[in-house]
Structure formats: C-alpha cells, structure tokens
Protein backbone atom coordinates (compact mmCIF):
# COMPACT_ATOMS: atom_id res chain seq x y z
CA MET A 1 -18.23 1.21 37.13
CA SER A 2 -17.21 0.54 33.81
CA THR A 3 -17.62 -2.39 31.98
CA ALA A 4 -14.22 -3.87 32.14
CA ASP A 5 -14.43 -3.68 35.59
CA ARG A 6 -17.47 -5.69 35.45
CA SER A 7 -15.63 -8.40 33.38
CA PRO A 8 -13.85 -11.07 34.58
CA GLU A 9 -9.99 -11.48 32.96
CA PRO A 10 -10.30 -14.17 31.07
CA GLY A 11 -6.77 -16.26 31.79
CA ALA A 12 -5.77 -14.48 34.85
CA THR A 13 -4.18 -16.78 36.21
CA ALA A 14 -1.53 -17.27 33.79
CA ALA A 15 -1.01 -13.56 33.58
CA SER A 16 3.13 -14.57 34.18
CA SER A 17 2.43 -15.91 30.13
CA GLY A 18 1.28 -13.12 28.42
CA ASP A 19 4.06 -10.97 28.09
CA GLY A 20 7.46 -11.08 26.84
CA GLY A 21 8.90 -12.91 23.90
CA SER A 22 6.51 -14.89 23.22
CA VAL A 23 3.49 -11.99 23.25
CA VAL A 24 5.56 -10.12 20.54
CA GLY A 25 6.57 -13.59 18.59
CA LYS A 26 2.55 -14.19 18.32
CA THR A 27 1.08 -10.32 17.68
CA PHE A 28 4.08 -10.39 14.89
CA LEU A 29 2.53 -13.60 13.51
CA ILE A 30 -0.78 -11.94 13.02
CA ALA A 31 0.20 -8.59 12.37
CA LEU A 32 2.15 -10.57 9.44
CA ALA A 33 -0.60 -13.04 8.31
CA ALA A 34 -3.15 -9.43 8.19
CA ALA A 35 -0.47 -7.52 6.07
CA MET A 36 -0.45 -10.02 3.58
CA GLY A 37 -3.60 -7.64 2.48
CA GLY A 38 -0.92 -5.16 1.33
CA PHE A 39 0.65 -8.62 -0.20
CA LEU A 40 -2.53 -8.48 -2.78
CA PHE A 41 -2.06 -4.45 -2.94
CA GLY A 42 2.38 -4.61 -3.97
CA TYR A 43 1.03 -7.95 -6.54
CA ASP A 44 -2.26 -6.74 -8.29
CA THR A 45 -0.46 -3.11 -8.88
CA SER A 46 2.31 -4.46 -9.69
CA VAL A 47 1.53 -7.10 -12.66
CA ILE A 48 0.64 -5.37 -14.87
CA ASN A 49 4.20 -4.53 -15.39
CA GLY A 50 5.03 -7.13 -17.60
CA ALA A 51 1.77 -6.98 -19.54
CA VAL A 52 1.28 -3.57 -20.74
CA GLY A 53 3.58 -4.25 -23.84
CA ALA A 54 1.49 -7.32 -24.62
CA ILE A 55 -1.93 -5.66 -23.22
CA ARG A 56 -1.18 -2.70 -26.01
CA THR A 57 -0.75 -4.95 -29.10
CA TRP A 58 -3.61 -7.23 -28.34
CA SER A 59 -6.91 -4.55 -27.84
CA GLY A 60 -4.62 -1.76 -30.08
CA ALA A 61 -5.34 0.56 -27.08
CA GLY A 62 -3.84 4.43 -27.76
CA ASP A 63 -2.01 6.04 -24.49
CA VAL A 64 -5.33 7.34 -23.01
CA LEU A 65 -7.14 4.20 -23.66
CA LEU A 66 -4.54 2.09 -22.05
CA GLY A 67 -3.44 4.40 -19.21
CA PHE A 68 -7.40 4.07 -17.94
CA SER A 69 -7.11 0.32 -18.03
CA VAL A 70 -4.12 -0.13 -16.22
CA ALA A 71 -5.07 2.60 -14.10
CA SER A 72 -8.75 1.48 -13.31
CA ALA A 73 -8.02 -1.07 -9.89
CA LEU A 74 -7.26 2.06 -8.61
CA LEU A 75 -10.72 3.33 -9.41
CA GLY A 76 -11.67 0.19 -7.80
CA SER A 77 -9.08 0.79 -4.62
CA ALA A 78 -10.50 4.06 -3.94
CA VAL A 79 -13.90 2.57 -4.21
CA GLY A 80 -12.88 -0.21 -1.77
CA ALA A 81 -11.25 2.20 0.72
CA TRP A 82 -14.16 4.26 1.12
CA PHE A 83 -16.56 1.80 2.12
CA ALA A 84 -13.76 -0.33 4.35
CA GLY A 85 -14.18 1.55 7.01
CA PRO A 86 -17.81 1.87 7.81
CA VAL A 87 -17.68 -1.88 6.94
CA ALA A 88 -15.77 -2.80 9.18
CA ASP A 89 -16.57 -0.83 12.32
CA ARG A 90 -20.19 -2.73 11.73
CA TYR A 91 -19.12 -6.37 10.53
CA GLY A 92 -15.25 -6.71 12.46
CA ARG A 93 -12.19 -6.26 10.27
CA ILE A 94 -11.35 -9.96 10.39
CA ALA A 95 -14.76 -9.65 7.34
CA VAL A 96 -13.54 -7.53 5.43
CA MET A 97 -10.52 -9.58 4.73
CA GLN A 98 -12.36 -12.41 3.57
CA LEU A 99 -14.55 -10.85 1.35
CA ALA A 100 -11.34 -8.78 0.10
CA ALA A 101 -9.85 -12.17 -0.71
CA VAL A 102 -13.51 -13.45 -2.35
CA ILE A 103 -13.38 -10.63 -4.03
CA PHE A 104 -9.58 -10.26 -5.34
CA LEU A 105 -9.61 -13.88 -6.20
CA ILE A 106 -13.07 -13.43 -9.04
CA GLY A 107 -11.05 -10.09 -10.35
CA SER A 108 -7.65 -11.85 -10.54
CA VAL A 109 -8.82 -15.13 -12.79
CA GLY A 110 -12.03 -12.81 -14.60
CA SER A 111 -8.68 -10.31 -15.40
CA GLY A 112 -7.13 -13.12 -17.06
CA LEU A 113 -9.63 -14.24 -18.81
CA ALA A 114 -10.99 -10.91 -20.37
CA TRP A 115 -12.04 -10.81 -24.18
CA ASP A 116 -11.60 -6.99 -24.92
CA ILE A 117 -10.05 -4.32 -23.46
CA TRP A 118 -12.67 -3.19 -22.03
CA ALA A 119 -13.70 -6.10 -19.88
CA LEU A 120 -10.13 -5.99 -18.81
CA THR A 121 -10.87 -2.52 -17.31
CA VAL A 122 -14.36 -3.76 -15.92
CA LEU A 123 -12.59 -6.62 -13.76
CA ARG A 124 -9.54 -5.18 -13.43
CA PHE A 125 -11.71 -2.32 -11.47
CA VAL A 126 -13.05 -5.00 -9.58
CA GLY A 127 -9.87 -6.47 -8.50
CA GLY A 128 -9.31 -2.59 -6.79
CA VAL A 129 -12.15 -3.14 -4.66
CA ALA A 130 -10.37 -5.66 -3.11
CA VAL A 131 -7.26 -4.36 -2.85
CA GLY A 132 -8.12 -1.42 -1.49
CA ALA A 133 -10.76 -2.50 0.71
CA ALA A 134 -7.42 -4.63 2.52
CA SER A 135 -5.40 -1.66 2.31
CA VAL A 136 -7.63 0.20 4.95
CA ILE A 137 -7.75 -2.78 7.16
CA ALA A 138 -4.48 -3.69 7.79
CA PRO A 139 -3.03 -0.82 8.65
CA ALA A 140 -5.77 -0.24 11.19
CA TYR A 141 -5.97 -3.82 12.29
CA ILE A 142 -1.51 -3.98 13.01
CA ALA A 143 -1.90 -0.71 14.92
CA GLU A 144 -5.26 -2.03 17.11
CA VAL A 145 -3.25 -5.49 18.26
CA SER A 146 -0.20 -3.80 18.29
CA PRO A 147 1.88 -2.89 21.41
CA ALA A 148 2.76 0.38 21.59
CA HIS A 149 6.76 0.17 21.57
CA ILE A 150 6.73 -2.31 18.97
CA ARG A 151 3.81 -0.45 16.91
CA GLY A 152 6.18 1.27 14.04
CA ARG A 153 8.47 -2.22 13.07
CA LEU A 154 4.88 -4.00 12.43
CA GLY A 155 3.01 -1.57 11.09
CA SER A 156 5.81 -1.67 8.51
CA LEU A 157 4.71 -5.15 7.52
CA GLN A 158 1.83 -3.72 5.31
CA GLN A 159 5.07 -1.81 3.10
CA LEU A 160 7.00 -5.02 3.72
CA ALA A 161 3.98 -7.06 2.38
CA ILE A 162 3.34 -4.81 -1.21
CA VAL A 163 7.46 -4.62 -1.90
CA VAL A 164 7.14 -8.46 -1.56
CA GLY A 165 4.67 -8.41 -3.69
CA ILE A 166 5.37 -6.34 -6.19
CA PHE A 167 9.13 -8.08 -6.30
CA LEU A 168 7.37 -11.89 -6.40
CA ALA A 169 4.47 -9.91 -8.84
CA LEU A 170 7.65 -8.51 -11.63
CA LEU A 171 9.36 -12.64 -11.24
CA CYS A 172 6.26 -14.56 -12.20
CA ASP A 173 6.59 -11.77 -15.08
CA TYR A 174 9.75 -12.61 -15.68
CA ALA A 175 9.17 -15.91 -15.47
CA LEU A 176 5.90 -16.17 -17.63
CA ALA A 177 7.57 -13.87 -20.52
CA ALA A 178 10.72 -16.16 -20.46
CA ALA A 179 9.20 -19.26 -20.73
CA ALA A 180 6.24 -17.85 -23.75
CA GLY A 181 9.21 -16.34 -25.85
CA GLY A 182 7.16 -13.15 -24.85
CA ALA A 183 4.21 -11.49 -22.98
CA GLY A 184 2.37 -11.64 -25.97
CA ASN A 185 2.87 -15.64 -26.56
CA PRO A 186 0.39 -18.47 -25.77
CA LEU A 187 1.98 -20.78 -23.08
CA TRP A 188 -0.76 -22.95 -22.00
CA LEU A 189 -4.00 -24.04 -22.67
CA GLY A 190 -3.69 -21.24 -25.43
CA LEU A 191 -3.66 -18.29 -22.91
CA GLU A 192 -1.21 -15.77 -23.81
CA ALA A 193 1.56 -15.36 -20.95
CA TRP A 194 0.33 -12.21 -20.08
CA ARG A 195 -3.42 -13.62 -19.07
CA TRP A 196 -1.70 -15.85 -16.98
CA MET A 197 0.32 -13.16 -14.98
CA PHE A 198 -3.29 -11.98 -14.00
CA ILE A 199 -4.56 -15.81 -12.96
CA SER A 200 -1.50 -15.69 -10.56
CA MET A 201 -3.13 -13.53 -8.66
CA ALA A 202 -5.60 -16.24 -7.65
CA VAL A 203 -2.90 -17.78 -5.24
CA PRO A 204 -2.25 -14.92 -2.51
CA SER A 205 -6.04 -14.57 -3.08
CA VAL A 206 -6.76 -17.50 -1.86
CA ILE A 207 -3.87 -18.06 1.00
CA TYR A 208 -5.31 -14.20 2.19
CA GLY A 209 -8.76 -15.60 2.91
CA VAL A 210 -7.55 -18.37 5.03
CA LEU A 211 -5.28 -16.74 7.41
CA ALA A 212 -8.02 -14.42 7.59
CA GLY A 213 -9.84 -17.24 9.22
CA ILE A 214 -7.79 -18.20 11.33
CA ILE A 215 -6.30 -14.64 13.08
CA PRO A 216 -8.12 -12.91 16.23
CA GLU A 217 -10.64 -9.87 15.51
CA SER A 218 -9.47 -6.39 16.98
CA PRO A 219 -10.12 -6.05 20.80
CA ARG A 220 -10.65 -2.49 20.03
CA PHE A 221 -13.81 -3.19 17.33
CA LEU A 222 -14.39 -6.05 19.96
CA VAL A 223 -14.65 -3.57 22.66
CA SER A 224 -17.01 -0.92 20.25
CA LYS A 225 -19.39 -4.18 20.48
CA LYS A 226 -19.34 -4.91 24.82
CA ARG A 227 -18.07 -8.52 23.85
CA ILE A 228 -15.73 -7.73 26.65
CA ALA A 229 -14.68 -10.92 27.56
CA GLU A 230 -13.21 -11.75 23.96
CA ALA A 231 -11.33 -7.91 23.75
CA ALA A 232 -9.88 -9.45 27.26
CA ASP A 233 -9.20 -12.40 25.76
CA VAL A 234 -7.07 -10.99 23.02
CA LEU A 235 -5.31 -8.47 24.92
CA ARG A 236 -4.07 -11.25 27.19
CA ARG A 237 -2.45 -13.15 24.53
CA PHE A 238 -1.04 -10.72 22.07
CA VAL A 239 -0.61 -7.43 23.65
CA GLY A 240 0.00 -8.63 27.54
CA ASN A 241 -0.94 -8.13 30.80
CA ARG A 242 1.42 -4.11 31.37
CA PRO A 243 -1.27 -2.60 31.43
CA PRO A 244 -3.34 -5.32 32.52
CA PRO A 245 -6.31 -5.91 30.04
CA ARG A 246 -8.96 -4.00 32.52
CA VAL A 247 -7.08 -1.22 32.14
CA LYS A 248 -6.68 -0.93 28.36
CA ILE A 249 -10.18 -2.17 28.09
CA ALA A 250 -11.48 1.09 30.68
CA GLU A 251 -8.87 3.34 28.26
CA ILE A 252 -10.32 1.43 24.73
CA GLU A 253 -14.01 2.43 26.19
CA SER A 254 -13.49 5.97 27.33
CA SER A 255 -11.63 6.97 24.15
CA ILE A 256 -14.34 5.07 21.83
CA ASP A 257 -17.05 7.39 23.47
CA GLN A 258 -19.69 4.44 22.89
CA GLU A 259 -22.67 6.70 23.33
CA LYS A 260 -22.18 8.84 20.13
CA ARG A 261 -22.67 6.60 16.65
CA GLN A 262 -19.27 6.56 14.29
CA SER A 263 -20.63 8.78 10.95
CA LEU A 264 -18.64 10.60 8.56
CA ARG A 265 -19.98 13.27 10.40
CA ASP A 266 -17.58 12.52 13.08
CA LEU A 267 -14.63 13.69 10.35
CA ALA A 268 -16.40 17.28 10.13
CA GLY A 269 -14.21 19.96 11.50
CA PRO A 270 -12.75 23.98 10.78
CA SER A 271 -10.40 23.14 8.60
CA PHE A 272 -12.53 23.20 4.81
CA GLY A 273 -15.16 21.42 6.23
CA LEU A 274 -12.89 18.74 8.21
CA LEU A 275 -10.92 18.06 11.38
CA PRO A 276 -6.71 18.23 10.80
CA ILE A 277 -5.94 15.83 11.48
CA VAL A 278 -7.92 14.33 8.77
CA TRP A 279 -6.23 16.72 6.44
CA THR A 280 -3.23 15.59 7.65
CA GLY A 281 -3.69 12.28 6.77
CA ILE A 282 -5.20 12.94 3.42
CA LEU A 283 -2.32 15.02 1.98
CA LEU A 284 0.17 12.46 3.55
CA SER A 285 -1.49 9.76 1.39
CA VAL A 286 -1.65 12.02 -1.93
CA PHE A 287 2.13 13.26 -2.11
CA GLN A 288 3.16 9.42 -1.49
CA GLN A 289 1.48 9.24 -4.73
CA PHE A 290 2.23 12.34 -6.18
CA VAL A 291 5.89 11.99 -6.04
CA GLY A 292 5.74 9.33 -8.72
CA ILE A 293 6.56 5.86 -7.42
CA ASN A 294 3.95 3.50 -9.05
CA VAL A 295 5.40 4.84 -12.08
CA ILE A 296 8.89 2.99 -11.60
CA PHE A 297 6.56 -0.26 -11.15
CA TYR A 298 3.91 0.10 -13.33
CA TYR A 299 5.72 1.50 -16.58
CA SER A 300 9.44 0.55 -15.34
CA SER A 301 9.47 -2.03 -18.19
CA VAL A 302 8.10 -0.27 -20.96
CA LEU A 303 9.66 3.37 -19.81
CA TRP A 304 13.39 1.01 -20.54
CA GLN A 305 12.51 -0.16 -23.28
CA ALA A 306 11.45 2.80 -24.78
CA VAL A 307 15.53 4.06 -23.54
CA GLY A 308 16.83 1.87 -25.95
CA TYR A 309 16.84 -1.61 -23.21
CA THR A 310 15.82 -4.92 -24.60
CA GLU A 311 12.41 -6.17 -23.34
CA GLU A 312 14.09 -8.87 -20.90
CA ASP A 313 17.22 -6.48 -19.83
CA SER A 314 13.92 -4.16 -18.81
CA LEU A 315 12.58 -7.23 -16.52
CA VAL A 316 15.84 -7.20 -14.81
CA ILE A 317 16.34 -4.13 -14.03
CA THR A 318 12.67 -3.30 -12.62
CA VAL A 319 12.81 -6.93 -10.60
CA ALA A 320 16.27 -5.48 -9.19
CA THR A 321 14.56 -2.52 -8.65
CA SER A 322 11.66 -4.29 -6.41
CA VAL A 323 14.45 -6.27 -4.89
CA THR A 324 16.51 -3.00 -3.36
CA ASN A 325 12.56 -1.51 -2.60
CA ILE A 326 12.05 -4.88 -0.23
CA LEU A 327 15.52 -4.34 1.18
CA VAL A 328 15.28 -0.31 1.91
CA THR A 329 11.97 -2.01 4.19
CA LEU A 330 13.94 -4.05 6.04
CA VAL A 331 15.79 -0.74 7.17
CA ALA A 332 12.73 1.26 7.45
CA ILE A 333 11.81 -1.55 10.01
CA ALA A 334 14.51 -1.59 11.34
CA LEU A 335 14.53 2.69 11.71
CA ILE A 336 10.84 3.33 12.06
CA ASP A 337 10.53 3.42 16.43
CA ARG A 338 14.05 4.34 16.69
CA VAL A 339 14.70 7.40 14.97
CA GLY A 340 10.65 8.37 14.49
CA ARG A 341 8.49 8.65 11.62
CA LYS A 342 8.52 12.16 11.32
CA PRO A 343 12.57 12.84 10.73
CA LEU A 344 12.24 9.08 8.06
CA LEU A 345 10.13 11.41 6.25
CA LEU A 346 12.14 14.02 6.02
CA VAL A 347 14.99 11.88 4.97
CA GLY A 348 12.87 10.42 2.26
CA SER A 349 11.95 14.07 0.58
CA ALA A 350 15.13 15.34 0.29
CA GLY A 351 16.64 12.25 -1.39
CA MET A 352 13.69 11.90 -3.48
CA THR A 353 14.14 15.76 -4.74
CA LEU A 354 17.22 14.81 -5.59
CA ALA A 355 16.90 11.79 -7.54
CA LEU A 356 13.61 13.10 -9.40
CA GLY A 357 15.67 15.72 -10.17
CA THR A 358 18.51 13.95 -11.58
CA MET A 359 16.21 12.08 -13.86
CA ALA A 360 14.70 14.89 -14.59
CA TYR A 361 17.86 16.17 -16.34
CA ILE A 362 18.87 12.97 -17.86
CA PHE A 363 15.83 12.74 -19.68
CA GLY A 364 14.78 16.54 -20.21
CA THR A 365 18.27 16.81 -22.16
CA ALA A 366 18.84 13.19 -24.05
CA PRO A 367 18.78 13.48 -27.22
CA THR A 368 15.84 12.42 -28.69
CA GLU A 369 14.98 9.15 -32.12
CA MET A 370 11.89 7.66 -33.16
CA VAL A 371 11.31 4.33 -31.26
CA ASN A 372 8.12 2.54 -32.36
CA GLY A 373 6.02 5.54 -33.95
CA ALA A 374 7.05 7.67 -31.40
CA MET A 375 9.77 10.22 -30.02
CA ALA A 376 11.75 8.93 -27.08
CA PRO A 377 15.38 9.71 -25.46
CA VAL A 378 18.27 7.52 -26.40
CA LEU A 379 20.43 7.41 -22.75
CA ASP A 380 24.17 6.32 -24.02
CA GLY A 381 27.07 5.13 -22.45
CA THR A 382 26.64 7.52 -18.65
CA ALA A 383 24.15 9.04 -19.11
CA GLY A 384 21.65 5.56 -19.28
CA ILE A 385 24.30 4.35 -16.31
CA VAL A 386 23.23 7.45 -14.27
CA ALA A 387 19.73 7.74 -14.94
CA VAL A 388 19.53 3.78 -13.46
CA VAL A 389 21.13 4.76 -10.35
CA ALA A 390 19.19 8.19 -10.16
CA ALA A 391 16.02 5.30 -10.24
CA ASN A 392 17.04 2.80 -7.90
CA LEU A 393 17.87 5.63 -5.39
CA TYR A 394 14.87 7.37 -5.30
CA VAL A 395 12.89 3.57 -4.09
CA VAL A 396 15.73 3.62 -1.58
CA PHE A 397 14.37 6.86 -0.32
CA PHE A 398 10.96 5.79 -0.92
CA GLY A 399 11.46 2.52 0.52
CA VAL A 400 12.89 4.05 3.60
CA SER A 401 10.64 6.67 4.36
CA TRP A 402 6.95 6.85 2.46
CA GLY A 403 6.56 3.93 1.73
CA PRO A 404 6.31 2.03 5.19
CA VAL A 405 6.07 5.02 7.56
CA VAL A 406 2.91 6.50 6.02
CA TRP A 407 0.97 3.63 6.62
CA VAL A 408 2.35 3.48 9.90
CA LEU A 409 0.58 6.55 10.89
CA LEU A 410 -2.71 6.57 9.13
CA GLY A 411 -3.02 3.51 11.22
CA GLU A 412 -2.09 5.29 14.64
CA MET A 413 -2.24 8.91 13.87
CA PHE A 414 -6.35 9.06 14.40
CA SER A 415 -8.28 8.47 17.21
CA ASN A 416 -9.86 5.73 17.93
CA ARG A 417 -13.69 6.85 17.64
CA ILE A 418 -12.81 7.89 13.94
CA ARG A 419 -10.21 6.18 13.25
CA ALA A 420 -11.77 3.18 10.63
CA TYR A 421 -13.35 6.23 8.71
CA ALA A 422 -10.60 9.14 8.38
CA LEU A 423 -8.59 5.84 7.23
CA ALA A 424 -11.09 5.34 4.82
CA VAL A 425 -10.73 8.32 3.38
CA ALA A 426 -7.49 9.10 3.74
CA ALA A 427 -6.78 5.91 1.88
CA ALA A 428 -9.36 5.94 -0.95
CA ALA A 429 -7.99 9.52 -1.50
CA GLN A 430 -4.70 8.07 -2.33
CA TRP A 431 -6.11 5.19 -4.37
CA ALA A 432 -7.44 8.57 -6.29
CA ALA A 433 -3.77 10.12 -6.60
CA ASN A 434 -2.34 7.16 -7.22
CA PHE A 435 -5.33 7.02 -10.77
CA LEU A 436 -4.03 10.41 -11.15
CA VAL A 437 -0.71 9.55 -11.55
CA SER A 438 -1.08 6.35 -13.13
CA GLU A 439 -3.32 7.85 -16.14
CA SER A 440 -1.79 11.06 -16.75
CA PHE A 441 1.63 9.06 -16.86
CA PRO A 442 1.95 7.98 -20.80
CA SER A 443 0.52 11.95 -21.65
CA LEU A 444 2.94 12.82 -19.53
CA ALA A 445 5.58 10.30 -20.69
CA SER A 446 5.02 11.72 -24.48
CA ALA A 447 5.17 15.27 -24.14
CA GLY A 448 8.52 13.68 -22.39
CA LEU A 449 10.29 12.08 -19.47
CA GLY A 450 12.04 15.39 -18.12
CA ILE A 451 8.66 17.35 -18.04
CA ALA A 452 7.39 14.20 -15.75
CA TYR A 453 9.91 13.42 -13.55
CA GLY A 454 10.30 17.00 -12.99
CA LEU A 455 6.87 17.39 -11.89
CA TYR A 456 7.72 14.54 -9.19
CA ALA A 457 10.59 16.30 -8.12
CA VAL A 458 8.09 19.32 -6.86
CA MET A 459 6.17 17.05 -5.53
CA ALA A 460 8.96 15.96 -3.28
CA LEU A 461 10.30 19.14 -2.60
CA LEU A 462 6.32 20.20 -1.48
CA SER A 463 6.27 16.75 0.92
CA LEU A 464 9.27 18.17 2.31
CA LEU A 465 7.48 21.29 3.50
CA PHE A 466 4.04 19.49 4.49
CA VAL A 467 6.08 17.07 6.62
CA ALA A 468 8.32 20.08 8.37
CA ARG A 469 4.99 22.26 8.75
CA ALA A 470 1.84 19.81 10.00
CA VAL A 471 2.88 16.36 10.65
CA ARG A 472 3.30 15.17 14.47
CA GLU A 473 5.81 12.33 15.73
CA THR A 474 3.44 9.64 17.08
CA ARG A 475 6.25 6.71 18.33
CA GLY A 476 5.83 5.54 21.12
CA ARG A 477 1.90 6.83 21.85
CA GLU A 478 -0.46 4.61 23.68
CA LEU A 479 -3.49 4.97 20.58
CA GLU A 480 -5.76 5.80 23.51
CA ASP A 481 -3.89 9.17 23.46
CA MET A 482 -4.39 10.40 20.01
CA GLU A 483 -6.02 13.36 19.81
C-alpha cells in the first residue's frame, strides 16, 4: 500500500468545492503570482534598452565592452538557472522564489548606484542570477500545480509576465528619459535618469518576494519530501478532486521513484551523453534565442536611432513593439490548449523566417552614411516603413509561438524524476545563447545589419526543421505520463 493510501485526505468532506470554476480561479491566481518571476525577467532584460546610449557616453566603453556589460546579466542568469533546479529540489520552489527576490533587489539598486562600467557589469551579473533562478522555477511550479486541461494557458502566463515586464520597463525608460530631457541627464538626488531606470527594478522584486510568501508549495515537491497531507491539501484546493488527491499522489510517487536520489547523472543518456528529451529541451531554448528576438528589446532604441529616427521616436517605436508583443501573447494563451504546442511553433518559425529575411534585405540593400562616427544604413520613405512593419511582424510571430510555447514545453515535457534538473540545464543553455546573441550583436551590426538579420533568418529556418523532426506534442497529457 502506498503512502498516499495510508494518509487521510484533508477536507475530503468538502470534495465538491474542490472542482470547477473556483479551483481554476485559485490556480490561476497562484500561477500568476509565480509568473511574477517572468516579470522580473522581462523588466531586467529590457530596462537596459533606454540606458544603453547613456551608459556608452558615461563610461566611454567601446562596442565589445558595452556588449559585455549589457549581456553580463545573462551570464548571471545562466548561473542562476543552473543552480536553481538542485536548490529547488532540496529546499522547495517557494524558497528559491524568495531568495531570487532578495538577490534581484540587491542587483537592481546596486546597478543604479554603480561607480564605473565594471561595477555595473558585476551588479548586473548579480541581478541576473536572480532572474535565471526565477526563470527556472516559474514554469516548473506552474506546470506542477496546474490541471492538465489548462496547463498550457497557465504556463503561458510566464511569457505574458515577461512581455508585460518588457512593456513596463520600456514605458518607465521613456518616462524617466522624458522627465530628465534625456537618459544621461540628472533627474532626482543628482542621479542620472538611466540610474533610476535600474533602481526602479526594486519595486517588482519586493512584490515578487511578498507574493512568493503567500502561495502554496508545489504538491510534487511535497510528495518528494513525504509531506503527503500537505500535498493532498494543495491538490484538493488547486487541482481539484478528479482524480482524487490520493490517486494523484500515488501517481506522483510512482513517477518520482523515491528510492533513487536525483542528480545531474539522471540526465545521462545515449545521445552525446544526454537523454534525447534533454537535448530537445536544450535546442528549444537555444533556438528561442538564436532567432535574435532579444536584439529587438535590448538594442531597438539605439538601432532605430542609427537609421535616422530621433531618440524620442525610437523609444515610442520600441514601446509600441512591446504592446504588440503583449497582444499576441494573449492570442497564444487562447490558442495553446486548443491548437497545441507544435503547430504554433511551426507557424512561428515560418513567419519569423519571412520577416527576418525581409529585414535582412532592407538593411542589406539600404544606402549608408556616417552616423555618430560609424557607417549606418539610412532608411528613407518606403524602406523605413517596411522595416518597422517587418520588425513588428517578427515580434508577432515570435510572441504567438516561440515566446510562450517554449516555456510551456520546458515546464511540462520532462518526467517528474528529472524535471528540476533538466529544466535547469535547458534554461542555462537558453541564457548562454541569449548572452552570445546580445554580446555579438554590436559587432554584427558594425559589420552590417543585413548580415545580422540574415543570420537570424537562417536560425529561424533551422528552428522550423528542428520542430518538424524532433518536438512531440504534449497537449492534454498528465505530467506523470511524460517520458
């Protein structure tokens, strides 16, 4: 007889209240709270957008050092993602969320008070550790507390939180720069506007820490620690009574295989040292970044200025792009449990290939002139309009597919026995890929924007072939049924 069979089900007499709309509503709220980690992700990685130009002037950094400083948060995120899984398996999902909130608070305030470019780089790295940890825990936690029939929609809240974080960061950048008359001008307490852009990140970090303290622990973690009564209570209140908690707990116990201690060795397999499913997760993560999406959100303000738009107009275009991203993420949430994960990825890859190919052609064939000491393409008339439209279509196709779907798949595609570790490895690979793209873009842009966007178009095409061949549909499957 399993432990679940010997344990009572708390609240069993109120079983009827454990199903239906009330359960969905409560699960939505705790998933939304967990997804606040995604908000930190979006806010942190995008707030740099409005500050890059001012940081260049303040520090005198060249392309390589500036790119490294911008991307240092991503290296920190890779480190945070790598260690978040093992820490979460030992101390719980909630503990990792709370620790991430504290580290993020330190990194955000410290970045705003940085005394030179190297201090800024180190403190951005510190904040990135928190973002990486949150990026692993949110999809894992949401998948583990969600009923299978709405898991895709709830898992997509991670991406929705990311794009809302991006939007609010860009809006904050615009407001602060406008209030100071420029990101490099003093605003309050003698600090430049770009410093306040970083300090503003303290607000969501505090909110995240508070929310993490009021949501329940993952039932799958509780079962792994033999806290069966607590797990049954969480299942009854947030997943429902179909199947009954005791049945669900028995399934979880079976899938976790309690007699075997979990470690990174569990990921070992015949395909270049790893299980095939782990490689699938890693490549999903890498392709999500190699299509170049974060170039739009890290450098778009500087990019649009380089091709002739004013600083104010560039920030307005960037904010409009982030609004587009939010809207299409809502579309993805509506579709993901109806259409499925794989079809959305295929459509997204095809659309991104066309949009990026168009951008590569426009920028590659545009006339050039000297702008701020460097040769840059000049987009006049129709070419400028086509470039802006193509950039936004690119965001549309990414936002309705690879943005939310990859996070959903990473949260649900691995078995209970390896989920935390496999997700940590895949997320670390994602942040490492993000770093490579962000670090290389200034140099690629100097060589030619047509070359940069042409490379991203090739990656989008390769992602289409990868999904068609290697990705399996997970819609409607229970986590305990994953291989």
